[in-house]
Amino acid sequence: MDIINPKNLSLRKNLLIFKGKETGLGKYIFLPIGSGLKLLKHDVYIKNGTEIWACPKGQDPQNFGSCIFPHYSAQESLKVEGAGELTLRLRTINNELEWHSAQEIVRRTHYLRPAQRGMQLVIELSRTDVKGELRKSIENLSVESVDRNLKTDEALVIGCAVLDTLSFGNPLGRKNLSAYSKVPRETPRGKYADELNIAWLSRIALEKGFSGFGLGSLLVKHAKRVASQYRIPKAINMEVIRTVSVSRLNELKSGKEDFLLKEGFNFDSENNQYAPPKRILDKDGFLTPSNLVDGFGGEANRKVYYYAENI
């Protein structure tokens, strides 16, 4: 692994420009959006002539480095009753058009607004590979949403997860982390995430009709891999904050697993805060608090903190 002279590098958003001839990768490459690279804070390396790695300045890239190019891509097979075996692809995004398309999925399906920053991990499947109920789900998507989320004529993006760093607060649930007690007390709130080497999975969203098949679990599984190997700073831990109903929280406390617990997360059963009713799509297509929509009771909710260590 060879370090690249910082004088020969320039970064414009996610466009990494090479001013010298050290890499053999051409004049520039597009990094995944939200890779976290900052040339003032990180050293950049080339590995095997084809990979770009980044590491905090002064640290060993073998232990603290992350591969930021080529962007992450993996394939999974998933058996779905009534639809057979699906071939799925999970990948990070390196262009703004697809980044905004992933945001549209969040806007349509998630109770929170789309995140304005972070790394997007998407999951896509072949349209011709889909049968049964999933075929109906694709057919039920509006023409606009299908067009917005097509990578090619055959591949349809059906979900996304957003990786970020929660630096504007210090949730009480972090006290469950074994590394928490080692953080100096004088550490500012905004620096705790750095001290804990913790990534924040801020959004997990699936198109309507694709829940309940294990796709959310796949997103979480690969988000952990991306956070620990393909994003800078390299994460050791991960946190998620979900809004769930009081009845759902009681189920979790009684031992019923959800998709996060199945992927190795724990949850803080004590420190959970009141949250207003979730926003849902009303008949006019607007995200509206559920207690204001006819037919929904607007059950009280709680914010639940999930955490995974040594991801």
C-alpha atoms as a PDB file:
ATOM      1  CA  MET A   1       0.000   0.000   0.000  1.00  0.00           C
ATOM      2  CA  ASP A   2       1.624   3.259  -1.192  1.00  0.00           C
ATOM      3  CA  ILE A   3       0.748   6.735   0.020  1.00  0.00           C
ATOM      4  CA  ILE A   4      -0.210   9.332  -2.596  1.00  0.00           C
ATOM      5  CA  ASN A   5       1.438  12.731  -2.279  1.00  0.00           C
ATOM      6  CA  PRO A   6      -1.335  15.079  -1.011  1.00  0.00           C
ATOM      7  CA  LYS A   7      -0.022  17.787  -3.346  1.00  0.00           C
ATOM      8  CA  ASN A   8      -1.165  15.591  -6.223  1.00  0.00           C
ATOM      9  CA  LEU A   9      -4.753  15.317  -4.975  1.00  0.00           C
ATOM     10  CA  SER A  10      -7.794  17.542  -5.164  1.00  0.00           C
ATOM     11  CA  LEU A  11     -11.319  16.793  -3.939  1.00  0.00           C
ATOM     12  CA  ARG A  12     -14.491  18.410  -5.306  1.00  0.00           C
ATOM     13  CA  LYS A  13     -17.510  16.900  -3.566  1.00  0.00           C
ATOM     14  CA  ASN A  14     -17.050  13.199  -4.384  1.00  0.00           C
ATOM     15  CA  LEU A  15     -14.756  13.773  -7.377  1.00  0.00           C
ATOM     16  CA  LEU A  16     -11.159  12.851  -6.481  1.00  0.00           C
ATOM     17  CA  ILE A  17      -8.726  14.411  -8.962  1.00  0.00           C
ATOM     18  CA  PHE A  18      -5.201  13.139  -9.503  1.00  0.00           C
ATOM     19  CA  LYS A  19      -2.714  15.793 -10.523  1.00  0.00           C
ATOM     20  CA  GLY A  20       0.199  13.391 -10.937  1.00  0.00           C
ATOM     21  CA  LYS A  21       0.681   9.988 -12.562  1.00  0.00           C
ATOM     22  CA  GLU A  22       0.974   7.958  -9.377  1.00  0.00           C
ATOM     23  CA  THR A  23      -2.200   5.883  -9.557  1.00  0.00           C
ATOM     24  CA  GLY A  24      -2.707   4.636 -13.076  1.00  0.00           C
ATOM     25  CA  LEU A  25      -6.464   5.212 -12.563  1.00  0.00           C
ATOM     26  CA  GLY A  26      -6.710   8.148 -14.931  1.00  0.00           C
ATOM     27  CA  LYS A  27      -7.175  11.802 -14.114  1.00  0.00           C
ATOM     28  CA  TYR A  28     -10.062  11.377 -11.666  1.00  0.00           C
ATOM     29  CA  ILE A  29     -12.468   8.941 -10.027  1.00  0.00           C
ATOM     30  CA  PHE A  30     -15.902   9.339  -8.445  1.00  0.00           C
ATOM     31  CA  LEU A  31     -15.992   8.230  -4.820  1.00  0.00           C
ATOM     32  CA  PRO A  32     -19.196   7.050  -3.146  1.00  0.00           C
ATOM     33  CA  ILE A  33     -21.179  10.063  -1.988  1.00  0.00           C
ATOM     34  CA  GLY A  34     -20.702  10.389   1.763  1.00  0.00           C
ATOM     35  CA  SER A  35     -17.415   8.448   1.845  1.00  0.00           C
ATOM     36  CA  GLY A  36     -16.190  10.829   4.555  1.00  0.00           C
ATOM     37  CA  LEU A  37     -12.860  11.636   2.884  1.00  0.00           C
ATOM     38  CA  LYS A  38     -11.282  14.959   3.922  1.00  0.00           C
ATOM     39  CA  LEU A  39      -7.855  15.634   2.484  1.00  0.00           C
ATOM     40  CA  LEU A  40      -6.851  17.829   5.432  1.00  0.00           C
ATOM     41  CA  LYS A  41      -7.578  15.001   7.881  1.00  0.00           C
ATOM     42  CA  HIS A  42      -6.814  11.858   5.913  1.00  0.00           C
ATOM     43  CA  ASP A  43      -3.939  10.289   4.039  1.00  0.00           C
ATOM     44  CA  VAL A  44      -4.793   8.590   0.742  1.00  0.00           C
ATOM     45  CA  TYR A  45      -3.195   5.360  -0.437  1.00  0.00           C
ATOM     46  CA  ILE A  46      -3.279   3.148  -3.512  1.00  0.00           C
ATOM     47  CA  LYS A  47      -3.397  -0.615  -3.082  1.00  0.00           C
ATOM     48  CA  ASN A  48      -2.769  -3.227  -5.764  1.00  0.00           C
ATOM     49  CA  GLY A  49      -2.916  -0.491  -8.397  1.00  0.00           C
ATOM     50  CA  THR A  50      -6.734  -0.480  -8.422  1.00  0.00           C
ATOM     51  CA  GLU A  51      -7.974   0.384  -4.907  1.00  0.00           C
ATOM     52  CA  ILE A  52      -7.983   3.749  -3.123  1.00  0.00           C
ATOM     53  CA  TRP A  53      -7.773   3.649   0.669  1.00  0.00           C
ATOM     54  CA  ALA A  54      -7.987   6.455   3.214  1.00  0.00           C
ATOM     55  CA  CYS A  55      -6.778   6.648   6.783  1.00  0.00           C
ATOM     56  CA  PRO A  56      -6.605   9.362   9.493  1.00  0.00           C
ATOM     57  CA  LYS A  57      -3.259  11.141   9.207  1.00  0.00           C
ATOM     58  CA  GLY A  58      -0.487   9.563  11.189  1.00  0.00           C
ATOM     59  CA  GLN A  59      -2.248   6.223  11.705  1.00  0.00           C
ATOM     60  CA  ASP A  60      -1.544   2.789  10.246  1.00  0.00           C
ATOM     61  CA  PRO A  61      -3.712   2.217   7.129  1.00  0.00           C
ATOM     62  CA  GLN A  62      -3.626  -1.545   7.686  1.00  0.00           C
ATOM     63  CA  ASN A  63      -5.494  -1.125  10.981  1.00  0.00           C
ATOM     64  CA  PHE A  64      -7.364   2.149  10.564  1.00  0.00           C
ATOM     65  CA  GLY A  65      -7.796   2.443   6.804  1.00  0.00           C
ATOM     66  CA  SER A  66     -10.947   2.067   4.709  1.00  0.00           C
ATOM     67  CA  CYS A  67     -11.359   1.182   1.034  1.00  0.00           C
ATOM     68  CA  ILE A  68     -13.183   4.122  -0.568  1.00  0.00           C
ATOM     69  CA  PHE A  69     -12.776   3.044  -4.198  1.00  0.00           C
ATOM     70  CA  PRO A  70     -14.119   1.088  -5.987  1.00  0.00           C
ATOM     71  CA  HIS A  71     -17.488   1.591  -4.346  1.00  0.00           C
ATOM     72  CA  TYR A  72     -19.047  -1.260  -2.395  1.00  0.00           C
ATOM     73  CA  SER A  73     -21.035  -3.855  -4.336  1.00  0.00           C
ATOM     74  CA  ALA A  74     -22.241  -7.290  -3.226  1.00  0.00           C
ATOM     75  CA  GLN A  75     -24.727  -9.903  -4.404  1.00  0.00           C
ATOM     76  CA  GLU A  76     -27.155 -11.906  -2.284  1.00  0.00           C
ATOM     77  CA  SER A  77     -29.658 -14.674  -2.992  1.00  0.00           C
ATOM     78  CA  LEU A  78     -32.904 -14.715  -1.047  1.00  0.00           C
ATOM     79  CA  LYS A  79     -35.655 -17.318  -1.144  1.00  0.00           C
ATOM     80  CA  VAL A  80     -39.113 -15.762  -0.939  1.00  0.00           C
ATOM     81  CA  GLU A  81     -42.233 -17.882  -0.641  1.00  0.00           C
ATOM     82  CA  GLY A  82     -44.300 -17.571  -3.801  1.00  0.00           C
ATOM     83  CA  ALA A  83     -41.536 -15.720  -5.646  1.00  0.00           C
ATOM     84  CA  GLY A  84     -38.726 -18.278  -5.695  1.00  0.00           C
ATOM     85  CA  GLU A  85     -35.084 -17.336  -5.312  1.00  0.00           C
ATOM     86  CA  LEU A  86     -34.255 -13.692  -5.901  1.00  0.00           C
ATOM     87  CA  THR A  87     -30.872 -12.312  -6.883  1.00  0.00           C
ATOM     88  CA  LEU A  88     -30.264  -9.021  -5.115  1.00  0.00           C
ATOM     89  CA  ARG A  89     -27.494  -6.492  -5.428  1.00  0.00           C
ATOM     90  CA  LEU A  90     -26.442  -4.103  -2.674  1.00  0.00           C
ATOM     91  CA  ARG A  91     -24.186  -1.173  -3.511  1.00  0.00           C
ATOM     92  CA  THR A  92     -23.194   2.313  -2.485  1.00  0.00           C
ATOM     93  CA  ILE A  93     -23.984   5.277  -4.734  1.00  0.00           C
ATOM     94  CA  ASN A  94     -21.461   7.546  -6.446  1.00  0.00           C
ATOM     95  CA  ASN A  95     -23.650   9.862  -8.545  1.00  0.00           C
ATOM     96  CA  GLU A  96     -26.151  12.509  -7.555  1.00  0.00           C
ATOM     97  CA  LEU A  97     -29.008  11.283  -9.756  1.00  0.00           C
ATOM     98  CA  GLU A  98     -29.157   7.935  -7.970  1.00  0.00           C
ATOM     99  CA  TRP A  99     -28.560   9.630  -4.612  1.00  0.00           C
ATOM    100  CA  HIS A 100     -31.691  11.736  -5.113  1.00  0.00           C
ATOM    101  CA  SER A 101     -33.595   8.654  -6.313  1.00  0.00           C
ATOM    102  CA  ALA A 102     -32.762   6.900  -3.039  1.00  0.00           C
ATOM    103  CA  GLN A 103     -33.933   9.980  -1.164  1.00  0.00           C
ATOM    104  CA  GLU A 104     -37.252   9.671  -2.976  1.00  0.00           C
ATOM    105  CA  ILE A 105     -37.755   6.200  -1.481  1.00  0.00           C
ATOM    106  CA  VAL A 106     -37.239   7.683   1.985  1.00  0.00           C
ATOM    107  CA  ARG A 107     -39.596  10.547   1.198  1.00  0.00           C
ATOM    108  CA  ARG A 108     -42.353   8.174   0.071  1.00  0.00           C
ATOM    109  CA  THR A 109     -42.064   5.523   2.762  1.00  0.00           C
ATOM    110  CA  HIS A 110     -40.248   6.742   5.873  1.00  0.00           C
ATOM    111  CA  TYR A 111     -41.744   8.670   8.778  1.00  0.00           C
ATOM    112  CA  LEU A 112     -38.683  10.962   8.805  1.00  0.00           C
ATOM    113  CA  ARG A 113     -37.701  13.314   6.030  1.00  0.00           C
ATOM    114  CA  PRO A 114     -34.863  12.321   3.676  1.00  0.00           C
ATOM    115  CA  ALA A 115     -31.393  12.777   5.140  1.00  0.00           C
ATOM    116  CA  GLN A 116     -29.444  15.590   3.512  1.00  0.00           C
ATOM    117  CA  ARG A 117     -26.088  13.931   4.089  1.00  0.00           C
ATOM    118  CA  GLY A 118     -24.569  10.499   4.580  1.00  0.00           C
ATOM    119  CA  MET A 119     -23.677   7.489   2.475  1.00  0.00           C
ATOM    120  CA  GLN A 120     -26.508   5.743   0.647  1.00  0.00           C
ATOM    121  CA  LEU A 121     -26.574   1.939   0.425  1.00  0.00           C
ATOM    122  CA  VAL A 122     -29.254   0.673  -1.952  1.00  0.00           C
ATOM    123  CA  ILE A 123     -30.740  -2.739  -2.633  1.00  0.00           C
ATOM    124  CA  GLU A 124     -31.947  -3.623  -6.107  1.00  0.00           C
ATOM    125  CA  LEU A 125     -33.375  -6.641  -7.887  1.00  0.00           C
ATOM    126  CA  SER A 126     -34.026  -7.736 -11.440  1.00  0.00           C
ATOM    127  CA  ARG A 127     -37.570  -6.961 -12.526  1.00  0.00           C
ATOM    128  CA  THR A 128     -37.705 -10.109 -14.642  1.00  0.00           C
ATOM    129  CA  ASP A 129     -36.715 -12.172 -11.598  1.00  0.00           C
ATOM    130  CA  VAL A 130     -39.841 -11.274  -9.639  1.00  0.00           C
ATOM    131  CA  LYS A 131     -42.991 -13.377  -9.328  1.00  0.00           C
ATOM    132  CA  GLY A 132     -46.022 -13.687  -7.077  1.00  0.00           C
ATOM    133  CA  GLU A 133     -46.730 -11.018  -4.473  1.00  0.00           C
ATOM    134  CA  LEU A 134     -43.522  -9.139  -5.224  1.00  0.00           C
ATOM    135  CA  ARG A 135     -44.568  -8.843  -8.863  1.00  0.00           C
ATOM    136  CA  LYS A 136     -47.792  -7.221  -7.671  1.00  0.00           C
ATOM    137  CA  SER A 137     -45.742  -4.849  -5.509  1.00  0.00           C
ATOM    138  CA  ILE A 138     -43.749  -3.717  -8.536  1.00  0.00           C
ATOM    139  CA  GLU A 139     -46.904  -3.293 -10.601  1.00  0.00           C
ATOM    140  CA  ASN A 140     -48.475  -1.249  -7.804  1.00  0.00           C
ATOM    141  CA  LEU A 141     -45.590   1.233  -7.762  1.00  0.00           C
ATOM    142  CA  SER A 142     -46.464   4.401  -9.609  1.00  0.00           C
ATOM    143  CA  VAL A 143     -44.936   4.910 -13.045  1.00  0.00           C
ATOM    144  CA  GLU A 144     -43.068   7.919 -11.673  1.00  0.00           C
ATOM    145  CA  SER A 145     -41.486   6.016  -8.779  1.00  0.00           C
ATOM    146  CA  VAL A 146     -40.392   3.125 -11.005  1.00  0.00           C
ATOM    147  CA  ASP A 147     -38.810   5.487 -13.519  1.00  0.00           C
ATOM    148  CA  ARG A 148     -37.014   7.395 -10.794  1.00  0.00           C
ATOM    149  CA  ASN A 149     -35.489   4.273  -9.298  1.00  0.00           C
ATOM    150  CA  LEU A 150     -34.392   2.339 -12.376  1.00  0.00           C
ATOM    151  CA  LYS A 151     -30.659   1.912 -12.839  1.00  0.00           C
ATOM    152  CA  THR A 152     -31.273   0.036 -16.080  1.00  0.00           C
ATOM    153  CA  ASP A 153     -34.396  -1.260 -17.777  1.00  0.00           C
ATOM    154  CA  GLU A 154     -34.079  -4.457 -15.727  1.00  0.00           C
ATOM    155  CA  ALA A 155     -32.808  -3.396 -12.276  1.00  0.00           C
ATOM    156  CA  LEU A 156     -35.150  -1.771  -9.783  1.00  0.00           C
ATOM    157  CA  VAL A 157     -33.945  -0.126  -6.577  1.00  0.00           C
ATOM    158  CA  ILE A 158     -36.437  -1.111  -3.878  1.00  0.00           C
ATOM    159  CA  GLY A 159     -34.792   0.113  -0.690  1.00  0.00           C
ATOM    160  CA  CYS A 160     -31.980   2.074   0.875  1.00  0.00           C
ATOM    161  CA  ALA A 161     -30.109   2.690   4.095  1.00  0.00           C
ATOM    162  CA  VAL A 162     -28.236   5.861   5.071  1.00  0.00           C
ATOM    163  CA  LEU A 163     -24.937   5.775   6.972  1.00  0.00           C
ATOM    164  CA  ASP A 164     -23.839   8.879   8.834  1.00  0.00           C
ATOM    165  CA  THR A 165     -22.259  10.036  12.097  1.00  0.00           C
ATOM    166  CA  LEU A 166     -24.480  11.329  14.916  1.00  0.00           C
ATOM    167  CA  SER A 167     -22.401  14.266  16.119  1.00  0.00           C
ATOM    168  CA  PHE A 168     -25.100  16.744  17.167  1.00  0.00           C
ATOM    169  CA  GLY A 169     -26.040  14.854  20.333  1.00  0.00           C
ATOM    170  CA  ASN A 170     -24.957  12.165  22.765  1.00  0.00           C
ATOM    171  CA  PRO A 171     -27.814   9.658  23.321  1.00  0.00           C
ATOM    172  CA  LEU A 172     -28.086   8.103  26.767  1.00  0.00           C
ATOM    173  CA  GLY A 173     -28.114   4.661  25.173  1.00  0.00           C
ATOM    174  CA  ARG A 174     -24.426   5.030  24.352  1.00  0.00           C
ATOM    175  CA  LYS A 175     -23.659   4.311  28.003  1.00  0.00           C
ATOM    176  CA  ASN A 176     -24.335   0.649  27.165  1.00  0.00           C
ATOM    177  CA  LEU A 177     -21.229   0.568  24.946  1.00  0.00           C
ATOM    178  CA  SER A 178     -18.169  -0.960  26.572  1.00  0.00           C
ATOM    179  CA  ALA A 179     -16.016   1.875  25.166  1.00  0.00           C
ATOM    180  CA  TYR A 180     -18.166   4.614  26.733  1.00  0.00           C
ATOM    181  CA  SER A 181     -16.475   4.548  30.129  1.00  0.00           C
ATOM    182  CA  LYS A 182     -13.103   5.151  28.458  1.00  0.00           C
ATOM    183  CA  VAL A 183     -14.164   8.467  26.904  1.00  0.00           C
ATOM    184  CA  PRO A 184     -12.726  11.430  28.863  1.00  0.00           C
ATOM    185  CA  ARG A 185     -15.427  13.313  30.754  1.00  0.00           C
ATOM    186  CA  GLU A 186     -14.348  16.656  29.307  1.00  0.00           C
ATOM    187  CA  THR A 187     -15.086  15.436  25.750  1.00  0.00           C
ATOM    188  CA  PRO A 188     -17.589  17.768  24.007  1.00  0.00           C
ATOM    189  CA  ARG A 189     -20.928  16.183  23.096  1.00  0.00           C
ATOM    190  CA  GLY A 190     -20.211  16.493  19.400  1.00  0.00           C
ATOM    191  CA  LYS A 191     -16.956  14.532  19.704  1.00  0.00           C
ATOM    192  CA  TYR A 192     -18.335  11.451  21.464  1.00  0.00           C
ATOM    193  CA  ALA A 193     -19.074   9.689  18.177  1.00  0.00           C
ATOM    194  CA  ASP A 194     -15.427  10.040  17.137  1.00  0.00           C
ATOM    195  CA  GLU A 195     -14.191   8.722  20.474  1.00  0.00           C
ATOM    196  CA  LEU A 196     -16.548   5.747  20.266  1.00  0.00           C
ATOM    197  CA  ASN A 197     -15.751   4.979  16.608  1.00  0.00           C
ATOM    198  CA  ILE A 198     -19.481   4.690  16.042  1.00  0.00           C
ATOM    199  CA  ALA A 199     -21.482   4.981  12.812  1.00  0.00           C
ATOM    200  CA  TRP A 200     -25.144   5.990  12.753  1.00  0.00           C
ATOM    201  CA  LEU A 201     -27.641   4.151  10.569  1.00  0.00           C
ATOM    202  CA  SER A 202     -30.008   7.090  10.242  1.00  0.00           C
ATOM    203  CA  ARG A 203     -32.567   5.726   7.731  1.00  0.00           C
ATOM    204  CA  ILE A 204     -33.746   2.297   6.576  1.00  0.00           C
ATOM    205  CA  ALA A 205     -36.474   2.406   3.944  1.00  0.00           C
ATOM    206  CA  LEU A 206     -38.189  -0.069   1.601  1.00  0.00           C
ATOM    207  CA  GLU A 207     -40.713   0.569  -1.129  1.00  0.00           C
ATOM    208  CA  LYS A 208     -44.285  -0.258  -0.196  1.00  0.00           C
ATOM    209  CA  GLY A 209     -45.016  -3.963  -0.578  1.00  0.00           C
ATOM    210  CA  PHE A 210     -41.432  -5.138  -0.047  1.00  0.00           C
ATOM    211  CA  SER A 211     -41.440  -5.389   3.746  1.00  0.00           C
ATOM    212  CA  GLY A 212     -41.534  -8.718   5.532  1.00  0.00           C
ATOM    213  CA  PHE A 213     -39.237 -10.605   3.154  1.00  0.00           C
ATOM    214  CA  GLY A 214     -35.928 -10.068   4.964  1.00  0.00           C
ATOM    215  CA  LEU A 215     -34.773  -7.184   2.768  1.00  0.00           C
ATOM    216  CA  GLY A 216     -34.385  -4.832   5.730  1.00  0.00           C
ATOM    217  CA  SER A 217     -32.132  -7.380   7.437  1.00  0.00           C
ATOM    218  CA  LEU A 218     -29.966  -7.552   4.315  1.00  0.00           C
ATOM    219  CA  LEU A 219     -29.618  -3.768   4.276  1.00  0.00           C
ATOM    220  CA  VAL A 220     -28.546  -3.774   7.936  1.00  0.00           C
ATOM    221  CA  LYS A 221     -26.106  -6.651   7.407  1.00  0.00           C
ATOM    222  CA  HIS A 222     -24.346  -4.894   4.544  1.00  0.00           C
ATOM    223  CA  ALA A 223     -24.527  -1.447   6.183  1.00  0.00           C
ATOM    224  CA  LYS A 224     -22.430  -2.857   9.036  1.00  0.00           C
ATOM    225  CA  ARG A 225     -19.879  -4.115   6.519  1.00  0.00           C
ATOM    226  CA  VAL A 226     -19.748  -0.791   4.684  1.00  0.00           C
ATOM    227  CA  ALA A 227     -19.372   1.207   7.910  1.00  0.00           C
ATOM    228  CA  SER A 228     -16.481  -0.937   9.105  1.00  0.00           C
ATOM    229  CA  GLN A 229     -14.567  -1.286   5.825  1.00  0.00           C
ATOM    230  CA  TYR A 230     -15.716   1.153   3.121  1.00  0.00           C
ATOM    231  CA  ARG A 231     -16.260   4.485   4.871  1.00  0.00           C
ATOM    232  CA  ILE A 232     -13.952   6.898   6.632  1.00  0.00           C
ATOM    233  CA  PRO A 233     -13.710   7.087   9.619  1.00  0.00           C
ATOM    234  CA  LYS A 234     -13.726   3.327   9.996  1.00  0.00           C
ATOM    235  CA  ALA A 235     -16.441   2.320  12.458  1.00  0.00           C
ATOM    236  CA  ILE A 236     -16.152  -0.260  15.219  1.00  0.00           C
ATOM    237  CA  ASN A 237     -19.651   0.263  16.580  1.00  0.00           C
ATOM    238  CA  MET A 238     -23.024   1.219  15.108  1.00  0.00           C
ATOM    239  CA  GLU A 239     -26.146   2.895  16.483  1.00  0.00           C
ATOM    240  CA  VAL A 240     -29.749   3.150  15.309  1.00  0.00           C
ATOM    241  CA  ILE A 241     -32.587   5.190  16.794  1.00  0.00           C
ATOM    242  CA  ARG A 242     -36.045   3.893  15.894  1.00  0.00           C
ATOM    243  CA  THR A 243     -39.484   5.198  16.725  1.00  0.00           C
ATOM    244  CA  VAL A 244     -41.758   2.335  17.754  1.00  0.00           C
ATOM    245  CA  SER A 245     -45.182   2.102  19.354  1.00  0.00           C
ATOM    246  CA  VAL A 246     -45.480   1.451  23.086  1.00  0.00           C
ATOM    247  CA  SER A 247     -46.951  -1.975  22.352  1.00  0.00           C
ATOM    248  CA  ARG A 248     -44.009  -2.794  20.071  1.00  0.00           C
ATOM    249  CA  LEU A 249     -41.559  -1.685  22.759  1.00  0.00           C
ATOM    250  CA  ASN A 250     -43.261  -3.991  25.246  1.00  0.00           C
ATOM    251  CA  GLU A 251     -42.864  -6.863  22.765  1.00  0.00           C
ATOM    252  CA  LEU A 252     -39.145  -6.129  22.518  1.00  0.00           C
ATOM    253  CA  LYS A 253     -38.831  -6.118  26.286  1.00  0.00           C
ATOM    254  CA  SER A 254     -40.596  -9.485  26.452  1.00  0.00           C
ATOM    255  CA  GLY A 255     -37.998 -11.011  24.124  1.00  0.00           C
ATOM    256  CA  LYS A 256     -39.574 -10.754  20.675  1.00  0.00           C
ATOM    257  CA  GLU A 257     -36.908 -10.089  18.049  1.00  0.00           C
ATOM    258  CA  ASP A 258     -37.059  -7.572  15.241  1.00  0.00           C
ATOM    259  CA  PHE A 259     -34.836  -7.275  12.168  1.00  0.00           C
ATOM    260  CA  LEU A 260     -32.175  -5.278  14.036  1.00  0.00           C
ATOM    261  CA  LEU A 261     -31.861  -7.739  16.903  1.00  0.00           C
ATOM    262  CA  LYS A 262     -31.583 -10.577  14.393  1.00  0.00           C
ATOM    263  CA  GLU A 263     -28.574  -8.802  12.875  1.00  0.00           C
ATOM    264  CA  GLY A 264     -26.675  -8.624  16.155  1.00  0.00           C
ATOM    265  CA  PHE A 265     -27.979  -5.381  17.671  1.00  0.00           C
ATOM    266  CA  ASN A 266     -28.970  -4.853  21.286  1.00  0.00           C
ATOM    267  CA  PHE A 267     -31.417  -2.237  22.508  1.00  0.00           C
ATOM    268  CA  ASP A 268     -31.620   0.013  25.544  1.00  0.00           C
ATOM    269  CA  SER A 269     -34.808  -1.030  27.324  1.00  0.00           C
ATOM    270  CA  GLU A 270     -34.648   1.770  29.916  1.00  0.00           C
ATOM    271  CA  ASN A 271     -33.758   5.032  28.189  1.00  0.00           C
ATOM    272  CA  ASN A 272     -36.533   5.668  25.696  1.00  0.00           C
ATOM    273  CA  GLN A 273     -38.189   9.001  25.081  1.00  0.00           C
ATOM    274  CA  TYR A 274     -41.699   9.979  24.020  1.00  0.00           C
ATOM    275  CA  ALA A 275     -42.042  10.538  20.284  1.00  0.00           C
ATOM    276  CA  PRO A 276     -45.007  12.084  18.468  1.00  0.00           C
ATOM    277  CA  PRO A 277     -47.180   9.911  16.213  1.00  0.00           C
ATOM    278  CA  LYS A 278     -45.417   8.772  13.046  1.00  0.00           C
ATOM    279  CA  ARG A 279     -46.149  10.516   9.784  1.00  0.00           C
ATOM    280  CA  ILE A 280     -47.966   8.383   7.218  1.00  0.00           C
ATOM    281  CA  LEU A 281     -49.147   9.019   3.680  1.00  0.00           C
ATOM    282  CA  ASP A 282     -52.710  10.332   3.653  1.00  0.00           C
ATOM    283  CA  LYS A 283     -55.165   9.901   0.758  1.00  0.00           C
ATOM    284  CA  ASP A 284     -53.719  12.976  -0.954  1.00  0.00           C
ATOM    285  CA  GLY A 285     -50.146  11.677  -0.826  1.00  0.00           C
ATOM    286  CA  PHE A 286     -48.918  13.922   2.001  1.00  0.00           C
ATOM    287  CA  LEU A 287     -46.935  12.661   4.998  1.00  0.00           C
ATOM    288  CA  THR A 288     -49.224  13.535   7.894  1.00  0.00           C
ATOM    289  CA  PRO A 289     -49.141  12.686  11.641  1.00  0.00           C
ATOM    290  CA  SER A 290     -51.119   9.448  11.987  1.00  0.00           C
ATOM    291  CA  ASN A 291     -53.389  10.851  14.695  1.00  0.00           C
ATOM    292  CA  LEU A 292     -54.746  13.337  12.132  1.00  0.00           C
ATOM    293  CA  VAL A 293     -55.547  10.698   9.483  1.00  0.00           C
ATOM    294  CA  ASP A 294     -58.952   8.996   9.484  1.00  0.00           C
ATOM    295  CA  GLY A 295     -58.737   5.334  10.461  1.00  0.00           C
ATOM    296  CA  PHE A 296     -55.522   5.651  12.481  1.00  0.00           C
ATOM    297  CA  GLY A 297     -55.467   6.022  16.225  1.00  0.00           C
ATOM    298  CA  GLY A 298     -52.141   7.789  16.552  1.00  0.00           C
ATOM    299  CA  GLU A 299     -50.778   5.447  19.229  1.00  0.00           C
ATOM    300  CA  ALA A 300     -48.096   6.933  21.475  1.00  0.00           C
ATOM    301  CA  ASN A 301     -44.532   6.118  20.428  1.00  0.00           C
ATOM    302  CA  ARG A 302     -41.099   5.816  21.992  1.00  0.00           C
ATOM    303  CA  LYS A 303     -37.631   6.422  20.586  1.00  0.00           C
ATOM    304  CA  VAL A 304     -35.577   3.275  21.111  1.00  0.00           C
ATOM    305  CA  TYR A 305     -31.800   3.180  20.981  1.00  0.00           C
ATOM    306  CA  TYR A 306     -30.143   0.166  19.333  1.00  0.00           C
ATOM    307  CA  TYR A 307     -26.426  -0.522  19.331  1.00  0.00           C
ATOM    308  CA  ALA A 308     -23.997  -3.078  17.895  1.00  0.00           C
ATOM    309  CA  GLU A 309     -20.382  -3.457  18.986  1.00  0.00           C
ATOM    310  CA  ASN A 310     -17.371  -4.757  17.077  1.00  0.00           C
ATOM    311  CA  ILE A 311     -19.217  -4.749  13.785  1.00  0.00           C
END
